[in-house]
Amino acid sequence: MTDKNARIATGSDKRNAQEAQSSDKSTPRPSRNARLLMKFRGSSCLSAAWYNREKEELTVQFTDNGRKVKFLKVPLTVAVCLAAVSSPGRYFVTRIKDSYDFKRVS
């Protein structure tokens, strides 16, 4: 079951994600290798996240300042859970923030 506040785009939905992105100029563009895009509407902590399956990297963008942080060696199951939970901010703080190495992107 997925949260109605999260939007997930994967493989076959690539075209739909690109169309949605072109119609919403405020949405940041994911990197070329991103395989999973999540937009969090209504979250006070996270605005978007991208997951790169090949590199196992989860990049999150924060709502308050737009800053992006890339978390390293994050399993796919963690990214899928982030997309499915009712409170992505709470899940991020309790399960991701202090559990994985990270580097600032912007």
Protein backbone atom coordinates (compact mmCIF):
# COMPACT_ATOMS: atom_id res chain seq x y z
CA MET A 1 0.00 0.00 0.00
CA THR A 2 1.44 3.39 -0.94
CA ASP A 3 0.90 6.74 0.66
CA LYS A 4 -1.39 9.01 -1.33
CA ASN A 5 1.05 11.89 -0.72
CA ALA A 6 3.92 10.14 -2.54
CA ARG A 7 4.27 9.75 -6.28
CA ILE A 8 6.47 6.93 -7.56
CA ALA A 9 7.77 6.63 -11.10
CA THR A 10 9.63 3.53 -12.20
CA GLY A 11 10.72 1.88 -15.48
CA SER A 12 7.53 1.86 -17.55
CA ASP A 13 6.35 5.10 -15.96
CA LYS A 14 9.41 6.98 -17.21
CA ARG A 15 7.45 8.85 -19.87
CA ASN A 16 4.74 9.84 -17.37
CA ALA A 17 7.39 11.10 -14.96
CA GLN A 18 8.99 13.19 -17.70
CA GLU A 19 5.61 14.65 -18.67
CA ALA A 20 4.82 15.45 -15.05
CA GLN A 21 8.21 17.05 -14.66
CA SER A 22 7.84 19.25 -17.71
CA SER A 23 4.47 20.49 -16.45
CA ASP A 24 5.75 21.24 -12.94
CA LYS A 25 8.69 23.66 -13.12
CA SER A 26 9.21 23.62 -9.34
CA THR A 27 10.06 19.91 -9.39
CA PRO A 28 13.83 19.27 -9.35
CA ARG A 29 15.24 17.00 -12.04
CA PRO A 30 16.72 13.66 -10.96
CA SER A 31 20.13 12.51 -12.15
CA ARG A 32 20.34 10.42 -15.34
CA ASN A 33 20.89 7.19 -13.38
CA ALA A 34 17.93 7.65 -11.04
CA ARG A 35 15.55 4.74 -11.29
CA LEU A 36 12.95 5.70 -8.71
CA LEU A 37 11.48 9.17 -8.23
CA MET A 38 9.36 10.09 -5.23
CA LYS A 39 7.58 13.41 -4.68
CA PHE A 40 6.26 14.08 -1.21
CA ARG A 41 3.30 16.41 -1.20
CA GLY A 42 2.38 17.69 2.22
CA SER A 43 5.60 16.59 3.93
CA SER A 44 7.17 19.23 6.15
CA CYS A 45 10.57 17.51 5.93
CA LEU A 46 11.11 16.05 2.43
CA SER A 47 10.00 17.39 -0.95
CA ALA A 48 11.48 14.68 -3.19
CA ALA A 49 13.80 11.69 -3.33
CA TRP A 50 15.58 9.73 -6.04
CA TYR A 51 16.94 6.21 -5.79
CA ASN A 52 19.72 4.88 -8.01
CA ARG A 53 19.46 1.08 -8.02
CA GLU A 54 22.83 0.52 -9.69
CA LYS A 55 24.76 2.54 -7.10
CA GLU A 56 22.35 2.00 -4.19
CA GLU A 57 22.22 5.75 -3.56
CA LEU A 58 19.25 7.61 -2.16
CA THR A 59 19.20 11.36 -2.78
CA VAL A 60 16.71 13.38 -0.77
CA GLN A 61 15.67 17.00 -1.12
CA PHE A 62 14.53 18.89 1.94
CA THR A 63 11.41 21.02 1.97
CA ASP A 64 12.71 23.93 4.04
CA ASN A 65 15.85 24.89 2.10
CA GLY A 66 15.83 22.75 -1.06
CA ARG A 67 19.18 21.21 -0.09
CA LYS A 68 19.98 17.75 -1.47
CA VAL A 69 21.84 15.01 0.37
CA LYS A 70 22.94 11.69 -1.12
CA PHE A 71 22.92 8.64 1.17
CA LEU A 72 25.24 5.79 0.19
CA LYS A 73 24.69 2.01 0.16
CA VAL A 74 20.97 2.24 0.87
CA PRO A 75 19.06 -0.98 0.05
CA LEU A 76 16.15 -0.82 -2.39
CA THR A 77 13.77 -1.97 0.36
CA VAL A 78 14.52 1.18 2.36
CA ALA A 79 13.71 3.40 -0.66
CA VAL A 80 10.49 1.50 -1.32
CA CYS A 81 9.47 1.83 2.33
CA LEU A 82 10.20 5.57 2.21
CA ALA A 83 7.76 5.86 -0.69
CA ALA A 84 5.09 3.79 1.04
CA VAL A 85 4.98 5.16 4.58
CA SER A 86 2.38 7.65 5.78
CA SER A 87 5.06 9.95 7.22
CA PRO A 88 8.17 10.08 5.00
CA GLY A 89 9.84 12.65 7.26
CA ARG A 90 9.50 10.46 10.34
CA TYR A 91 10.75 7.40 8.43
CA PHE A 92 13.72 9.40 7.12
CA VAL A 93 14.69 10.61 10.60
CA THR A 94 14.30 7.22 12.32
CA ARG A 95 15.56 4.85 9.60
CA ILE A 96 17.85 6.72 7.19
CA LYS A 97 19.38 9.91 8.59
CA ASP A 98 21.84 8.37 11.07
CA SER A 99 22.04 4.90 9.51
CA TYR A 100 23.90 5.56 6.24
CA ASP A 101 26.94 7.53 5.14
CA PHE A 102 26.04 10.64 3.17
CA LYS A 103 27.43 13.54 1.19
CA ARG A 104 25.87 16.89 0.38
CA VAL A 105 24.91 17.42 -3.23
CA SER A 106 23.84 21.06 -3.05
